[in-house]
Amino acid sequence: MQTTNRRGFGLRTPNITADGLKIFAGIVMLIQSIGIIVIEKGMIHLDRYTQAELSQALADDSNLMFLAGLGSVLQLIGGLAVPVFAFLLVEGFRHTSSYQRYLLTMIVFALLSELPYDLANRSKIVDWSSQNALVTMCICLLMLYFLRMLAKKGSIAHSLAQWLIVLCAIIWVTICRAEYGLCMVLLVAVFYIFYTRNILKTVLGGVISLLYVTGPLAFYAVWFYNEERKDIIPKYVYYAFYPLHLFILGILVRV
C-alpha cells in the first residue's frame, strides 16, 4: 500500500498498527519467558549450578547443552520486545486522554504482576531481589510526565534538566532491579525527546537496543508503524496478558 507517513515521503510500507505492535511484542515476550522460566529454570535449573559446574555439565550432557542453547535462542528472540514496548509506552503517553488513569492502570497491573513474576522467576510467593517489567514502565511514565513539563523550554539548562530526570529514572530502576530497566528507560527517553527526529531516534535507539543483542531488528516494525490506534483487542487484555502468562508458566513448571 502506498502511504505518506509522518516522515513526509511516499513509501510502500506494511500496515503495522498499534494492535499489530502489541501482538508482536506479546508473542516475543512469551517466547522469552518460555526460554527463561520453562527451559532455564524449570528444565535445566541453572540457578543450582556454579559457572564451573555448569560448564562441566554441558560438556558431559549433550541434551543439556541443546536445552541451554535453545533457551538462549528464545531469550534472543524475546529481546525484540523491548524497543516495541518502549515505543508503545511513548505513543500511549502522547495520545492518552487521561495520564492519571493510564498511570494508575499501569500501577495496578504492576502490583498484580509481582506475585506471578516472583513465582515464575524465583519459585517464591514474595521475593524482593528483582521486580517485574511493569514496574519499569511505571517509572518510565513518571519520567515522561516530568519530561513533558520541560519539553518546550528549549534552553540548554532545560535540556540538561531533562537528562537529569532520565538519570533519576535510571537510578530508580537500578535500585528496584526492575526488568528491562536501563534499556527501557533509555529507549523511552530517546523515543520521546527525539520524537520528530526519526533518523536520530532510530540510530540512538538501535545502539541502546544492542543491550538485548537482537533489539535493533525490532525497529523495522517501529519504523513502519502507521499510527493507527483502533484497539481491536481491548487494551486491558494486553495488560492482563503479562501477569497471566507468568502465572501459567510458573504453575506449569511447578507441576
Protein backbone atom coordinates (compact mmCIF):
# COMPACT_ATOMS: atom_id res chain seq x y z
CA MET A 1 0.00 0.00 0.00
CA GLN A 2 1.32 3.44 -0.97
CA THR A 3 1.32 5.76 2.02
CA THR A 4 2.69 9.08 3.09
CA ASN A 5 3.65 8.77 6.71
CA ARG A 6 4.95 11.16 9.31
CA ARG A 7 8.42 11.00 7.78
CA GLY A 8 6.94 13.03 4.93
CA PHE A 9 7.56 10.89 1.86
CA GLY A 10 5.65 8.36 -0.17
CA LEU A 11 6.67 4.78 0.53
CA ARG A 12 5.24 1.33 0.04
CA THR A 13 5.13 0.08 3.60
CA PRO A 14 3.46 -2.66 5.64
CA ASN A 15 0.36 -1.62 7.58
CA ILE A 16 1.68 -2.08 11.11
CA THR A 17 -0.93 -0.82 13.55
CA ALA A 18 -0.71 -0.32 17.31
CA ASP A 19 -2.54 -3.63 17.77
CA GLY A 20 -0.05 -5.30 15.46
CA LEU A 21 2.85 -3.98 17.53
CA LYS A 22 1.21 -5.08 20.78
CA ILE A 23 0.53 -8.59 19.47
CA PHE A 24 4.08 -8.90 18.13
CA ALA A 25 5.61 -7.71 21.41
CA GLY A 26 3.37 -10.04 23.42
CA ILE A 27 4.34 -13.07 21.33
CA VAL A 28 8.09 -12.49 21.51
CA MET A 29 7.82 -11.74 25.25
CA LEU A 30 6.05 -15.09 25.68
CA ILE A 31 8.85 -16.79 23.73
CA GLN A 32 11.41 -15.15 26.01
CA SER A 33 9.51 -16.22 29.13
CA ILE A 34 9.37 -19.81 27.91
CA GLY A 35 13.14 -19.72 27.41
CA ILE A 36 13.78 -18.37 30.90
CA ILE A 37 11.03 -19.91 33.04
CA VAL A 38 10.34 -23.26 31.39
CA ILE A 39 13.72 -24.21 29.92
CA GLU A 40 16.38 -22.50 32.03
CA LYS A 41 14.63 -22.57 35.41
CA GLY A 42 12.23 -25.49 35.00
CA MET A 43 14.20 -27.99 32.94
CA ILE A 44 17.88 -27.09 33.36
CA HIS A 45 17.70 -25.50 36.84
CA LEU A 46 20.52 -23.09 36.02
CA ASP A 47 20.27 -21.45 39.42
CA ARG A 48 21.56 -24.67 41.02
CA TYR A 49 24.88 -24.59 39.15
CA THR A 50 28.02 -22.61 39.68
CA GLN A 51 29.68 -21.46 36.46
CA ALA A 52 32.29 -24.23 36.72
CA GLU A 53 29.64 -26.88 37.43
CA LEU A 54 27.53 -25.70 34.50
CA SER A 55 30.46 -25.84 32.08
CA GLN A 56 31.23 -29.40 33.18
CA ALA A 57 27.57 -30.45 33.00
CA LEU A 58 27.24 -29.06 29.46
CA ALA A 59 30.38 -30.91 28.40
CA ASP A 60 29.06 -34.18 29.84
CA ASP A 61 25.45 -33.98 28.64
CA SER A 62 24.62 -33.13 25.00
CA ASN A 63 20.89 -32.91 25.81
CA LEU A 64 21.61 -30.31 28.48
CA MET A 65 23.73 -28.37 26.00
CA PHE A 66 20.88 -28.43 23.48
CA LEU A 67 18.39 -27.13 26.04
CA ALA A 68 20.79 -24.39 27.14
CA GLY A 69 21.25 -23.33 23.53
CA LEU A 70 17.52 -23.37 22.90
CA GLY A 71 16.89 -21.26 25.99
CA SER A 72 19.47 -18.73 24.82
CA VAL A 73 17.90 -18.50 21.35
CA LEU A 74 14.43 -17.93 22.82
CA GLN A 75 15.82 -15.15 25.00
CA LEU A 76 17.43 -13.53 21.96
CA ILE A 77 14.06 -13.58 20.19
CA GLY A 78 12.49 -12.02 23.28
CA GLY A 79 14.89 -9.09 23.03
CA LEU A 80 12.80 -7.84 20.11
CA ALA A 81 10.02 -6.92 22.54
CA VAL A 82 11.88 -4.24 24.49
CA PRO A 83 12.09 -1.48 21.82
CA VAL A 84 8.47 -2.13 20.83
CA PHE A 85 7.21 -1.84 24.41
CA ALA A 86 9.22 1.37 24.87
CA PHE A 87 7.79 2.82 21.67
CA LEU A 88 4.21 1.87 22.57
CA LEU A 89 4.60 3.41 26.02
CA VAL A 90 5.58 6.75 24.49
CA GLU A 91 2.76 6.56 21.95
CA GLY A 92 0.29 5.76 24.72
CA PHE A 93 1.58 8.65 26.81
CA ARG A 94 1.28 11.10 23.94
CA HIS A 95 -2.23 10.03 22.94
CA THR A 96 -3.88 9.14 26.23
CA SER A 97 -6.91 11.17 27.21
CA SER A 98 -6.08 10.75 30.89
CA TYR A 99 -2.49 10.44 32.10
CA GLN A 100 -3.66 9.75 35.65
CA ARG A 101 -5.83 6.81 34.55
CA TYR A 102 -3.01 5.49 32.33
CA LEU A 103 -0.52 5.59 35.23
CA LEU A 104 -3.00 4.15 37.73
CA THR A 105 -3.79 1.25 35.40
CA MET A 106 -0.08 0.52 34.97
CA ILE A 107 0.48 0.63 38.75
CA VAL A 108 -2.44 -1.72 39.44
CA PHE A 109 -1.23 -4.30 36.93
CA ALA A 110 2.36 -3.92 38.15
CA LEU A 111 1.15 -4.85 41.64
CA LEU A 112 -0.94 -7.73 40.28
CA SER A 113 2.05 -9.00 38.30
CA GLU A 114 4.54 -9.12 41.15
CA LEU A 115 3.35 -12.38 42.73
CA PRO A 116 3.20 -14.27 39.38
CA TYR A 117 6.60 -12.79 38.49
CA ASP A 118 8.16 -13.97 41.75
CA LEU A 119 6.54 -17.39 41.43
CA ALA A 120 7.71 -17.88 37.86
CA ASN A 121 11.22 -16.48 38.22
CA ARG A 122 12.16 -17.16 41.85
CA SER A 123 9.81 -20.01 42.87
CA LYS A 124 8.66 -17.83 45.77
CA ILE A 125 5.43 -16.04 46.57
CA VAL A 126 7.30 -12.89 47.57
CA ASP A 127 10.85 -12.03 46.51
CA TRP A 128 12.44 -8.58 46.56
CA SER A 129 15.58 -9.40 44.56
CA SER A 130 14.01 -8.11 41.33
CA GLN A 131 10.76 -6.53 40.14
CA ASN A 132 8.56 -7.13 37.11
CA ALA A 133 8.69 -5.19 33.83
CA LEU A 134 5.54 -3.18 34.57
CA VAL A 135 7.36 -1.56 37.49
CA THR A 136 9.88 -0.26 34.95
CA MET A 137 7.04 1.07 32.80
CA CYS A 138 5.50 2.87 35.79
CA ILE A 139 8.84 4.58 36.42
CA CYS A 140 9.06 5.47 32.73
CA LEU A 141 5.59 7.02 32.79
CA LEU A 142 6.59 9.19 35.73
CA MET A 143 9.75 10.16 33.86
CA LEU A 144 7.69 11.13 30.80
CA TYR A 145 5.43 13.33 32.93
CA PHE A 146 8.37 15.39 34.13
CA LEU A 147 9.99 15.42 30.69
CA ARG A 148 6.80 16.86 29.25
CA MET A 149 6.95 19.71 31.75
CA LEU A 150 10.31 20.76 30.26
CA ALA A 151 9.74 19.74 26.65
CA LYS A 152 9.05 23.21 25.16
CA LYS A 153 11.54 25.33 27.10
CA GLY A 154 14.35 24.93 24.58
CA SER A 155 17.28 26.26 26.61
CA ILE A 156 20.45 24.33 27.37
CA ALA A 157 19.60 24.39 31.06
CA HIS A 158 16.24 22.76 30.42
CA SER A 159 17.84 20.15 28.14
CA LEU A 160 20.26 19.30 30.92
CA ALA A 161 17.33 19.12 33.33
CA GLN A 162 15.62 16.62 31.02
CA TRP A 163 18.62 14.31 31.05
CA LEU A 164 18.85 14.71 34.83
CA ILE A 165 15.29 13.39 35.01
CA VAL A 166 16.35 10.45 32.84
CA LEU A 167 19.28 9.80 35.17
CA CYS A 168 16.94 9.77 38.16
CA ALA A 169 14.76 7.18 36.41
CA ILE A 170 17.84 5.04 35.69
CA ILE A 171 18.83 5.19 39.36
CA TRP A 172 15.29 4.26 40.38
CA VAL A 173 15.03 1.17 38.13
CA THR A 174 18.51 0.13 39.23
CA ILE A 175 17.59 0.30 42.90
CA CYS A 176 14.36 -1.60 42.22
CA ARG A 177 16.20 -4.09 39.96
CA ALA A 178 13.23 -3.87 37.64
CA GLU A 179 13.17 -6.00 34.49
CA TYR A 180 14.15 -4.23 31.24
CA GLY A 181 15.33 -1.35 33.50
CA LEU A 182 18.24 0.54 31.93
CA CYS A 183 17.39 -0.31 28.33
CA MET A 184 13.71 0.57 28.69
CA VAL A 185 14.36 3.92 30.38
CA LEU A 186 16.90 5.00 27.77
CA LEU A 187 14.70 3.90 24.87
CA VAL A 188 11.63 5.68 26.25
CA ALA A 189 13.68 8.85 26.75
CA VAL A 190 15.07 8.73 23.21
CA PHE A 191 11.67 7.97 21.66
CA TYR A 192 10.14 10.92 23.50
CA ILE A 193 12.86 13.57 23.38
CA PHE A 194 13.68 12.91 19.70
CA TYR A 195 10.12 12.08 18.67
CA THR A 196 10.17 14.05 15.40
CA ARG A 197 13.82 13.30 14.51
CA ASN A 198 13.33 9.84 13.10
CA ILE A 199 16.84 9.08 11.84
CA LEU A 200 18.48 10.16 15.11
CA LYS A 201 15.83 8.34 17.12
CA THR A 202 16.40 5.14 15.15
CA VAL A 203 20.20 5.28 15.36
CA LEU A 204 20.29 6.03 19.09
CA GLY A 205 17.54 3.53 19.82
CA GLY A 206 19.28 0.87 17.76
CA VAL A 207 22.52 1.34 19.67
CA ILE A 208 20.73 1.18 23.04
CA SER A 209 18.80 -1.91 21.93
CA LEU A 210 22.06 -3.78 21.45
CA LEU A 211 21.86 -4.39 25.20
CA TYR A 212 19.43 -7.13 24.11
CA VAL A 213 21.51 -8.08 21.02
CA THR A 214 18.53 -8.60 18.68
CA GLY A 215 16.73 -5.41 19.80
CA PRO A 216 17.69 -3.29 16.75
CA LEU A 217 15.76 -5.68 14.47
CA ALA A 218 12.53 -4.52 16.14
CA PHE A 219 12.97 -1.09 14.58
CA TYR A 220 11.60 -2.48 11.32
CA ALA A 221 8.19 -2.68 12.98
CA VAL A 222 8.63 0.66 14.76
CA TRP A 223 9.66 2.48 11.58
CA PHE A 224 6.64 1.24 9.63
CA TYR A 225 4.08 1.92 12.34
CA ASN A 226 1.17 3.64 10.59
CA GLU A 227 -0.20 5.45 13.70
CA GLU A 228 -3.50 3.54 13.54
CA ARG A 229 -4.90 3.01 17.05
CA LYS A 230 -8.23 1.19 16.90
CA ASP A 231 -7.93 -1.14 19.92
CA ILE A 232 -9.36 -4.12 18.03
CA ILE A 233 -8.43 -6.16 21.09
CA PRO A 234 -9.47 -4.43 24.35
CA LYS A 235 -6.44 -2.76 25.91
CA TYR A 236 -6.95 -4.43 29.26
CA VAL A 237 -6.39 -7.81 27.58
CA TYR A 238 -2.81 -6.74 26.87
CA TYR A 239 -2.31 -5.61 30.46
CA ALA A 240 -3.73 -8.88 31.80
CA PHE A 241 -1.62 -11.00 29.47
CA TYR A 242 1.58 -10.16 31.32
CA PRO A 243 0.68 -11.48 34.81
CA LEU A 244 -1.45 -14.26 33.33
CA HIS A 245 1.30 -15.75 31.17
CA LEU A 246 3.76 -15.57 34.08
CA PHE A 247 1.28 -17.33 36.36
CA ILE A 248 0.54 -20.10 33.84
CA LEU A 249 4.21 -20.75 33.08
CA GLY A 250 5.10 -20.65 36.77
CA ILE A 251 2.40 -23.22 37.62
CA LEU A 252 3.36 -25.33 34.58
CA VAL A 253 6.96 -25.55 35.76
CA ARG A 254 5.89 -26.44 39.31
CA VAL A 255 3.53 -29.17 38.06
